[in-house]
Amino acid sequence: MNLNNIQPAKGSTHNSKRVGRGQGSGKGGTSTKGHKGQKSRSGYSEKIGFEGGQMPLQRRLPKFGFKNVNRKEYRGVNLDTIQTLIDTKNISGDITKEVLVENGLASKNELVKILGRGELKSSVSITADKFTKSAEELISKAGGKAITL
């Protein structure tokens, strides 16, 4: 077997339908497109969602909801996560946004909010964009400071 004598499997290929090549071919005249109408014309393309003139689904369904353009998205970091960070990485004193970014808890462009899940055993000052009330209470109870940027 060589590249010059390879053939497709028997019955796997078909001759293309040659339309518009005269009446004798059986596919002349209207070229299998029926008579008149938009779909028989050249250049016809159906719009996405077109339902034959019936009111399309995207126009029948009501619009709903509200997108606040001024919404601020915060990355939540819990106190128990910070405590494990202190235990494993031996960080003491200050925990800033940069420290959280270095340890993969947030990316550098995200706003960080400290949440109050878990408990904080060590007294550290935490600097973040926002704190929940419970987080602030737990940080001050442990002897640390919650500094809002």
N, C-alpha and C. Protein backbone atom coordinates (compact mmCIF):
# COMPACT_ATOMS: atom_id res chain seq x y z
N MET A 1 0.84 -1.19 0.00
CA MET A 1 0.00 0.00 0.00
C MET A 1 0.89 1.24 0.00
N ASN A 2 0.59 2.15 -0.92
CA ASN A 2 1.31 3.41 -1.01
C ASN A 2 0.31 4.56 -0.95
N LEU A 3 0.84 5.77 -0.79
CA LEU A 3 -0.04 6.94 -0.71
C LEU A 3 -0.79 7.18 -2.02
N ASN A 4 -0.21 6.75 -3.15
CA ASN A 4 -0.86 7.01 -4.43
C ASN A 4 -2.00 6.05 -4.75
N ASN A 5 -2.17 4.96 -3.99
CA ASN A 5 -3.28 4.05 -4.30
C ASN A 5 -4.24 3.84 -3.12
N ILE A 6 -4.27 4.80 -2.18
CA ILE A 6 -5.22 4.71 -1.06
C ILE A 6 -6.59 5.19 -1.54
N GLN A 7 -7.64 4.44 -1.22
CA GLN A 7 -9.00 4.84 -1.57
C GLN A 7 -9.89 4.76 -0.35
N PRO A 8 -10.92 5.60 -0.29
CA PRO A 8 -11.86 5.52 0.84
C PRO A 8 -12.64 4.22 0.79
N ALA A 9 -13.23 3.82 1.92
CA ALA A 9 -14.01 2.59 2.00
C ALA A 9 -15.19 2.66 1.05
N LYS A 10 -15.59 1.50 0.49
CA LYS A 10 -16.68 1.45 -0.48
C LYS A 10 -17.98 1.92 0.16
N GLY A 11 -18.64 2.89 -0.46
CA GLY A 11 -19.91 3.40 0.03
C GLY A 11 -19.79 4.55 1.03
N SER A 12 -18.54 4.92 1.37
CA SER A 12 -18.38 5.99 2.36
C SER A 12 -18.43 7.37 1.74
N THR A 13 -18.23 7.48 0.44
CA THR A 13 -18.29 8.79 -0.23
C THR A 13 -19.43 8.79 -1.24
N HIS A 14 -19.95 9.96 -1.48
CA HIS A 14 -21.06 10.14 -2.42
C HIS A 14 -20.75 11.30 -3.34
N ASN A 15 -21.31 11.26 -4.54
CA ASN A 15 -21.18 12.40 -5.45
C ASN A 15 -22.04 13.53 -4.91
N SER A 16 -21.51 14.77 -5.02
CA SER A 16 -22.28 15.92 -4.53
C SER A 16 -23.46 16.17 -5.46
N LYS A 17 -24.53 16.72 -4.87
CA LYS A 17 -25.73 17.03 -5.64
C LYS A 17 -25.46 18.29 -6.45
N ARG A 18 -25.39 18.15 -7.78
CA ARG A 18 -25.10 19.32 -8.63
C ARG A 18 -26.43 19.93 -9.06
N VAL A 19 -26.78 21.01 -8.39
CA VAL A 19 -28.06 21.66 -8.66
C VAL A 19 -27.89 22.80 -9.64
N GLY A 20 -28.98 23.13 -10.32
CA GLY A 20 -28.97 24.26 -11.25
C GLY A 20 -28.14 24.00 -12.50
N ARG A 21 -28.12 22.75 -12.98
CA ARG A 21 -27.32 22.43 -14.17
C ARG A 21 -28.23 21.92 -15.30
N GLY A 22 -29.40 22.54 -15.43
CA GLY A 22 -30.29 22.20 -16.53
C GLY A 22 -31.39 21.24 -16.14
N GLN A 23 -32.48 21.26 -16.95
CA GLN A 23 -33.66 20.45 -16.65
C GLN A 23 -33.38 18.96 -16.75
N GLY A 24 -32.47 18.57 -17.61
CA GLY A 24 -32.19 17.16 -17.82
C GLY A 24 -31.61 16.48 -16.58
N SER A 25 -31.00 17.26 -15.71
CA SER A 25 -30.39 16.67 -14.51
C SER A 25 -31.43 16.30 -13.46
N GLY A 26 -32.63 16.85 -13.62
CA GLY A 26 -33.68 16.60 -12.62
C GLY A 26 -33.59 17.56 -11.45
N LYS A 27 -32.53 18.35 -11.41
CA LYS A 27 -32.38 19.34 -10.34
C LYS A 27 -32.10 20.72 -10.92
N GLY A 28 -32.71 20.99 -12.06
CA GLY A 28 -32.57 22.30 -12.68
C GLY A 28 -33.71 23.20 -12.22
N GLY A 29 -33.87 24.34 -12.88
CA GLY A 29 -35.00 25.23 -12.60
C GLY A 29 -34.92 25.83 -11.21
N THR A 30 -35.65 25.26 -10.27
CA THR A 30 -35.68 25.83 -8.91
C THR A 30 -34.50 25.36 -8.07
N SER A 31 -33.69 24.46 -8.57
CA SER A 31 -32.51 23.96 -7.87
C SER A 31 -32.83 23.42 -6.48
N THR A 32 -33.87 22.62 -6.37
CA THR A 32 -34.34 21.94 -5.15
C THR A 32 -34.78 22.89 -4.04
N LYS A 33 -35.03 24.17 -4.39
CA LYS A 33 -35.42 25.13 -3.36
C LYS A 33 -36.91 25.43 -3.35
N GLY A 34 -37.70 24.72 -4.12
CA GLY A 34 -39.13 24.98 -4.14
C GLY A 34 -39.43 26.21 -4.98
N HIS A 35 -40.59 26.83 -4.76
CA HIS A 35 -40.99 27.98 -5.57
C HIS A 35 -41.05 29.24 -4.73
N LYS A 36 -40.45 30.30 -5.24
CA LYS A 36 -40.49 31.65 -4.65
C LYS A 36 -40.14 31.68 -3.15
N GLY A 37 -40.43 32.74 -2.52
CA GLY A 37 -40.20 32.85 -1.08
C GLY A 37 -38.77 33.22 -0.72
N GLN A 38 -38.62 33.70 0.52
CA GLN A 38 -37.33 34.20 0.99
C GLN A 38 -36.24 33.13 0.96
N LYS A 39 -36.57 31.90 1.32
CA LYS A 39 -35.55 30.86 1.42
C LYS A 39 -35.04 30.41 0.05
N SER A 40 -35.75 30.73 -1.03
CA SER A 40 -35.30 30.32 -2.36
C SER A 40 -34.33 31.33 -2.96
N ARG A 41 -34.22 32.51 -2.36
CA ARG A 41 -33.38 33.56 -2.92
C ARG A 41 -31.91 33.37 -2.54
N SER A 42 -31.03 33.95 -3.36
CA SER A 42 -29.61 33.89 -3.02
C SER A 42 -29.33 34.91 -1.91
N GLY A 43 -28.35 34.61 -1.07
CA GLY A 43 -28.00 35.54 0.00
C GLY A 43 -28.85 35.42 1.25
N TYR A 44 -29.81 34.47 1.25
CA TYR A 44 -30.67 34.31 2.42
C TYR A 44 -29.90 33.72 3.59
N SER A 45 -30.04 34.32 4.75
CA SER A 45 -29.52 33.70 5.98
C SER A 45 -30.50 34.02 7.10
N GLU A 46 -30.89 33.00 7.84
CA GLU A 46 -31.88 33.15 8.90
C GLU A 46 -31.22 33.75 10.13
N LYS A 47 -31.84 34.77 10.70
CA LYS A 47 -31.30 35.39 11.92
C LYS A 47 -31.33 34.39 13.07
N ILE A 48 -30.38 34.51 13.99
CA ILE A 48 -30.36 33.65 15.18
C ILE A 48 -31.61 33.93 16.00
N GLY A 49 -32.33 32.88 16.35
CA GLY A 49 -33.54 33.04 17.14
C GLY A 49 -34.79 33.33 16.32
N PHE A 50 -34.67 33.35 14.98
CA PHE A 50 -35.84 33.63 14.14
C PHE A 50 -36.79 32.45 14.18
N GLU A 51 -38.07 32.73 14.39
CA GLU A 51 -39.07 31.67 14.53
C GLU A 51 -40.17 31.78 13.48
N GLY A 52 -39.78 32.13 12.26
CA GLY A 52 -40.75 32.18 11.17
C GLY A 52 -41.75 33.29 11.30
N GLY A 53 -41.39 34.38 11.95
CA GLY A 53 -42.30 35.51 12.12
C GLY A 53 -43.02 35.49 13.46
N GLN A 54 -43.08 34.32 14.11
CA GLN A 54 -43.64 34.25 15.47
C GLN A 54 -42.73 35.06 16.39
N MET A 55 -43.32 35.67 17.42
CA MET A 55 -42.53 36.47 18.35
C MET A 55 -41.46 35.58 19.00
N PRO A 56 -40.16 35.91 18.82
CA PRO A 56 -39.09 35.04 19.31
C PRO A 56 -39.08 34.90 20.83
N LEU A 57 -38.54 33.81 21.30
CA LEU A 57 -38.51 33.50 22.72
C LEU A 57 -37.84 34.62 23.52
N GLN A 58 -36.72 35.15 23.02
CA GLN A 58 -36.00 36.17 23.77
C GLN A 58 -36.80 37.47 23.89
N ARG A 59 -37.82 37.66 23.05
CA ARG A 59 -38.68 38.84 23.19
C ARG A 59 -39.95 38.53 23.96
N ARG A 60 -40.32 37.24 24.06
CA ARG A 60 -41.51 36.86 24.81
C ARG A 60 -41.26 36.84 26.31
N LEU A 61 -40.03 36.48 26.72
CA LEU A 61 -39.73 36.37 28.14
C LEU A 61 -39.47 37.75 28.74
N PRO A 62 -39.91 37.99 29.97
CA PRO A 62 -39.70 39.31 30.58
C PRO A 62 -38.26 39.49 31.04
N LYS A 63 -37.84 40.75 31.05
CA LYS A 63 -36.54 41.08 31.62
C LYS A 63 -36.73 41.17 33.12
N PHE A 64 -35.75 40.71 33.88
CA PHE A 64 -35.87 40.82 35.33
C PHE A 64 -34.51 40.97 35.96
N GLY A 65 -34.48 41.39 37.22
CA GLY A 65 -33.23 41.50 37.95
C GLY A 65 -32.64 42.88 37.85
N PHE A 66 -31.54 43.06 38.52
CA PHE A 66 -30.88 44.35 38.59
C PHE A 66 -29.39 44.12 38.78
N LYS A 67 -28.58 44.77 37.99
CA LYS A 67 -27.13 44.68 38.14
C LYS A 67 -26.63 46.03 38.64
N ASN A 68 -26.10 46.02 39.86
CA ASN A 68 -25.58 47.25 40.43
C ASN A 68 -24.19 47.50 39.86
N VAL A 69 -24.02 48.62 39.16
CA VAL A 69 -22.73 48.92 38.53
C VAL A 69 -21.68 49.32 39.56
N ASN A 70 -22.12 49.74 40.73
CA ASN A 70 -21.18 50.17 41.77
C ASN A 70 -20.86 49.08 42.78
N ARG A 71 -21.27 47.84 42.51
CA ARG A 71 -21.05 46.74 43.45
C ARG A 71 -19.56 46.49 43.65
N LYS A 72 -19.18 46.27 44.92
CA LYS A 72 -17.80 45.93 45.23
C LYS A 72 -17.75 44.47 45.62
N GLU A 73 -16.87 43.74 44.98
CA GLU A 73 -16.72 42.31 45.21
C GLU A 73 -15.53 42.09 46.14
N TYR A 74 -15.78 41.43 47.27
CA TYR A 74 -14.71 41.18 48.24
C TYR A 74 -14.32 39.71 48.26
N ARG A 75 -13.03 39.44 48.50
CA ARG A 75 -12.55 38.08 48.71
C ARG A 75 -12.59 37.84 50.22
N GLY A 76 -13.37 36.87 50.64
CA GLY A 76 -13.53 36.59 52.06
C GLY A 76 -12.40 35.72 52.59
N VAL A 77 -11.81 36.14 53.71
CA VAL A 77 -10.79 35.35 54.37
C VAL A 77 -11.21 35.19 55.83
N ASN A 78 -11.35 33.94 56.28
CA ASN A 78 -11.82 33.68 57.64
C ASN A 78 -10.67 33.70 58.64
N LEU A 79 -11.04 33.93 59.91
CA LEU A 79 -10.04 34.00 60.97
C LEU A 79 -9.33 32.67 61.21
N ASP A 80 -10.07 31.56 61.04
CA ASP A 80 -9.42 30.26 61.24
C ASP A 80 -8.36 30.00 60.17
N THR A 81 -8.57 30.54 58.97
CA THR A 81 -7.57 30.44 57.90
C THR A 81 -6.33 31.24 58.26
N ILE A 82 -6.54 32.42 58.82
CA ILE A 82 -5.43 33.26 59.26
C ILE A 82 -4.66 32.57 60.39
N GLN A 83 -5.40 31.93 61.30
CA GLN A 83 -4.75 31.23 62.42
C GLN A 83 -3.88 30.08 61.92
N THR A 84 -4.37 29.30 60.95
CA THR A 84 -3.56 28.22 60.39
C THR A 84 -2.33 28.78 59.66
N LEU A 85 -2.49 29.96 59.03
CA LEU A 85 -1.38 30.63 58.37
C LEU A 85 -0.32 31.02 59.39
N ILE A 86 -0.75 31.52 60.54
CA ILE A 86 0.17 31.91 61.61
C ILE A 86 0.88 30.67 62.16
N ASP A 87 0.11 29.57 62.33
CA ASP A 87 0.69 28.34 62.88
C ASP A 87 1.71 27.70 61.94
N THR A 88 1.37 27.63 60.65
CA THR A 88 2.24 26.92 59.70
C THR A 88 3.41 27.78 59.20
N LYS A 89 3.17 29.05 58.92
CA LYS A 89 4.20 29.91 58.35
C LYS A 89 4.95 30.72 59.40
N ASN A 90 4.54 30.61 60.67
CA ASN A 90 5.17 31.33 61.78
C ASN A 90 5.19 32.85 61.55
N ILE A 91 4.06 33.40 61.11
CA ILE A 91 3.93 34.83 60.91
C ILE A 91 3.44 35.44 62.22
N SER A 92 4.08 36.52 62.64
CA SER A 92 3.65 37.19 63.88
C SER A 92 3.65 38.69 63.66
N GLY A 93 2.89 39.39 64.48
CA GLY A 93 2.86 40.85 64.40
C GLY A 93 1.84 41.36 63.41
N ASP A 94 2.29 41.66 62.21
CA ASP A 94 1.43 42.27 61.20
C ASP A 94 1.00 41.28 60.14
N ILE A 95 -0.29 41.30 59.82
CA ILE A 95 -0.76 40.57 58.64
C ILE A 95 -1.40 41.61 57.73
N THR A 96 -0.71 41.89 56.63
CA THR A 96 -1.20 42.88 55.68
C THR A 96 -1.80 42.16 54.47
N LYS A 97 -2.32 42.98 53.58
CA LYS A 97 -2.90 42.44 52.35
C LYS A 97 -1.82 41.72 51.52
N GLU A 98 -0.59 42.26 51.56
CA GLU A 98 0.51 41.67 50.80
C GLU A 98 0.84 40.26 51.30
N VAL A 99 0.76 40.07 52.61
CA VAL A 99 1.03 38.74 53.20
C VAL A 99 -0.01 37.74 52.73
N LEU A 100 -1.28 38.19 52.68
CA LEU A 100 -2.36 37.32 52.22
C LEU A 100 -2.19 36.96 50.74
N VAL A 101 -1.71 37.93 49.95
CA VAL A 101 -1.47 37.69 48.52
C VAL A 101 -0.32 36.70 48.32
N GLU A 102 0.75 36.87 49.10
CA GLU A 102 1.92 35.98 49.00
C GLU A 102 1.54 34.53 49.32
N ASN A 103 0.62 34.35 50.27
CA ASN A 103 0.22 33.00 50.69
C ASN A 103 -0.98 32.46 49.91
N GLY A 104 -1.39 33.17 48.85
CA GLY A 104 -2.41 32.67 47.94
C GLY A 104 -3.84 32.76 48.45
N LEU A 105 -4.09 33.59 49.46
CA LEU A 105 -5.46 33.74 49.97
C LEU A 105 -6.25 34.78 49.20
N ALA A 106 -5.57 35.62 48.43
CA ALA A 106 -6.23 36.63 47.59
C ALA A 106 -5.28 37.01 46.48
N SER A 107 -5.80 37.63 45.43
CA SER A 107 -4.92 38.15 44.38
C SER A 107 -4.72 39.64 44.64
N LYS A 108 -3.71 40.22 44.00
CA LYS A 108 -3.29 41.57 44.37
C LYS A 108 -4.32 42.65 44.05
N ASN A 109 -5.21 42.41 43.10
CA ASN A 109 -6.20 43.43 42.73
C ASN A 109 -7.53 43.26 43.45
N GLU A 110 -7.67 42.22 44.25
CA GLU A 110 -8.93 41.97 44.94
C GLU A 110 -9.04 42.77 46.24
N LEU A 111 -10.28 43.11 46.59
CA LEU A 111 -10.54 43.69 47.90
C LEU A 111 -10.71 42.55 48.88
N VAL A 112 -10.14 42.67 50.08
CA VAL A 112 -10.15 41.59 51.06
C VAL A 112 -11.05 41.96 52.23
N LYS A 113 -11.91 41.01 52.61
CA LYS A 113 -12.78 41.19 53.77
C LYS A 113 -12.50 40.05 54.75
N ILE A 114 -12.24 40.41 55.99
CA ILE A 114 -11.97 39.41 57.01
C ILE A 114 -13.28 38.99 57.65
N LEU A 115 -13.54 37.68 57.64
CA LEU A 115 -14.78 37.12 58.16
C LEU A 115 -14.52 36.43 59.50
N GLY A 116 -15.57 36.27 60.30
CA GLY A 116 -15.41 35.84 61.69
C GLY A 116 -15.56 34.36 61.97
N ARG A 117 -15.35 33.48 61.01
CA ARG A 117 -15.45 32.04 61.29
C ARG A 117 -14.19 31.57 62.01
N GLY A 118 -14.36 30.70 62.97
CA GLY A 118 -13.22 30.17 63.72
C GLY A 118 -12.81 31.10 64.85
N GLU A 119 -11.64 30.84 65.43
CA GLU A 119 -11.16 31.74 66.48
C GLU A 119 -9.69 32.04 66.27
N LEU A 120 -9.29 33.21 66.79
CA LEU A 120 -7.92 33.67 66.66
C LEU A 120 -7.26 33.56 68.03
N LYS A 121 -6.16 32.81 68.11
CA LYS A 121 -5.49 32.61 69.40
C LYS A 121 -4.37 33.60 69.62
N SER A 122 -3.70 34.03 68.55
CA SER A 122 -2.55 34.93 68.70
C SER A 122 -2.96 36.37 68.47
N SER A 123 -2.25 37.28 69.15
CA SER A 123 -2.58 38.70 69.01
C SER A 123 -1.78 39.29 67.85
N VAL A 124 -2.49 39.59 66.78
CA VAL A 124 -1.86 40.16 65.58
C VAL A 124 -2.68 41.34 65.10
N SER A 125 -2.02 42.28 64.44
CA SER A 125 -2.76 43.38 63.82
C SER A 125 -2.98 43.00 62.35
N ILE A 126 -4.24 43.01 61.94
CA ILE A 126 -4.61 42.61 60.58
C ILE A 126 -5.06 43.83 59.81
N THR A 127 -4.47 44.05 58.65
CA THR A 127 -4.84 45.16 57.77
C THR A 127 -5.58 44.61 56.57
N ALA A 128 -6.82 45.08 56.37
CA ALA A 128 -7.63 44.62 55.23
C ALA A 128 -8.58 45.73 54.81
N ASP A 129 -9.30 45.48 53.72
CA ASP A 129 -10.23 46.49 53.20
C ASP A 129 -11.50 46.58 54.02
N LYS A 130 -11.93 45.47 54.62
CA LYS A 130 -13.17 45.46 55.38
C LYS A 130 -13.16 44.32 56.39
N PHE A 131 -13.90 44.48 57.47
CA PHE A 131 -14.03 43.46 58.52
C PHE A 131 -15.50 43.29 58.86
N THR A 132 -15.89 42.07 59.21
CA THR A 132 -17.23 41.88 59.78
C THR A 132 -17.14 42.23 61.26
N LYS A 133 -18.30 42.53 61.87
CA LYS A 133 -18.32 42.90 63.29
C LYS A 133 -17.78 41.78 64.16
N SER A 134 -18.20 40.53 63.85
CA SER A 134 -17.75 39.39 64.65
C SER A 134 -16.24 39.21 64.53
N ALA A 135 -15.67 39.47 63.34
CA ALA A 135 -14.22 39.34 63.14
C ALA A 135 -13.48 40.39 63.97
N GLU A 136 -13.98 41.63 63.95
CA GLU A 136 -13.36 42.71 64.73
C GLU A 136 -13.36 42.37 66.21
N GLU A 137 -14.50 41.86 66.69
CA GLU A 137 -14.62 41.50 68.12
C GLU A 137 -13.63 40.41 68.49
N LEU A 138 -13.53 39.37 67.65
CA LEU A 138 -12.63 38.26 67.94
C LEU A 138 -11.16 38.68 67.90
N ILE A 139 -10.82 39.59 66.98
CA ILE A 139 -9.44 40.07 66.88
C ILE A 139 -9.08 40.88 68.12
N SER A 140 -9.98 41.79 68.54
CA SER A 140 -9.72 42.62 69.72
C SER A 140 -9.71 41.75 71.00
N LYS A 141 -10.55 40.70 71.05
CA LYS A 141 -10.59 39.78 72.19
C LYS A 141 -9.25 39.05 72.32
N ALA A 142 -8.63 38.71 71.17
CA ALA A 142 -7.34 38.02 71.18
C ALA A 142 -6.18 38.96 71.49
N GLY A 143 -6.47 40.28 71.51
CA GLY A 143 -5.42 41.28 71.82
C GLY A 143 -4.78 41.88 70.59
N GLY A 144 -5.43 41.74 69.45
CA GLY A 144 -4.88 42.31 68.22
C GLY A 144 -5.63 43.54 67.78
N LYS A 145 -5.28 44.04 66.57
CA LYS A 145 -5.93 45.23 66.03
C LYS A 145 -6.49 44.91 64.65
N ALA A 146 -7.66 45.48 64.33
CA ALA A 146 -8.25 45.36 63.00
C ALA A 146 -8.13 46.73 62.33
N ILE A 147 -7.23 46.85 61.37
CA ILE A 147 -6.99 48.12 60.70
C ILE A 147 -7.64 48.08 59.32
N THR A 148 -8.58 49.00 59.10
CA THR A 148 -9.28 49.08 57.81
C THR A 148 -8.53 50.01 56.88
N LEU A 149 -8.31 49.57 55.65
CA LEU A 149 -7.61 50.41 54.65
C LEU A 149 -8.51 51.53 54.17
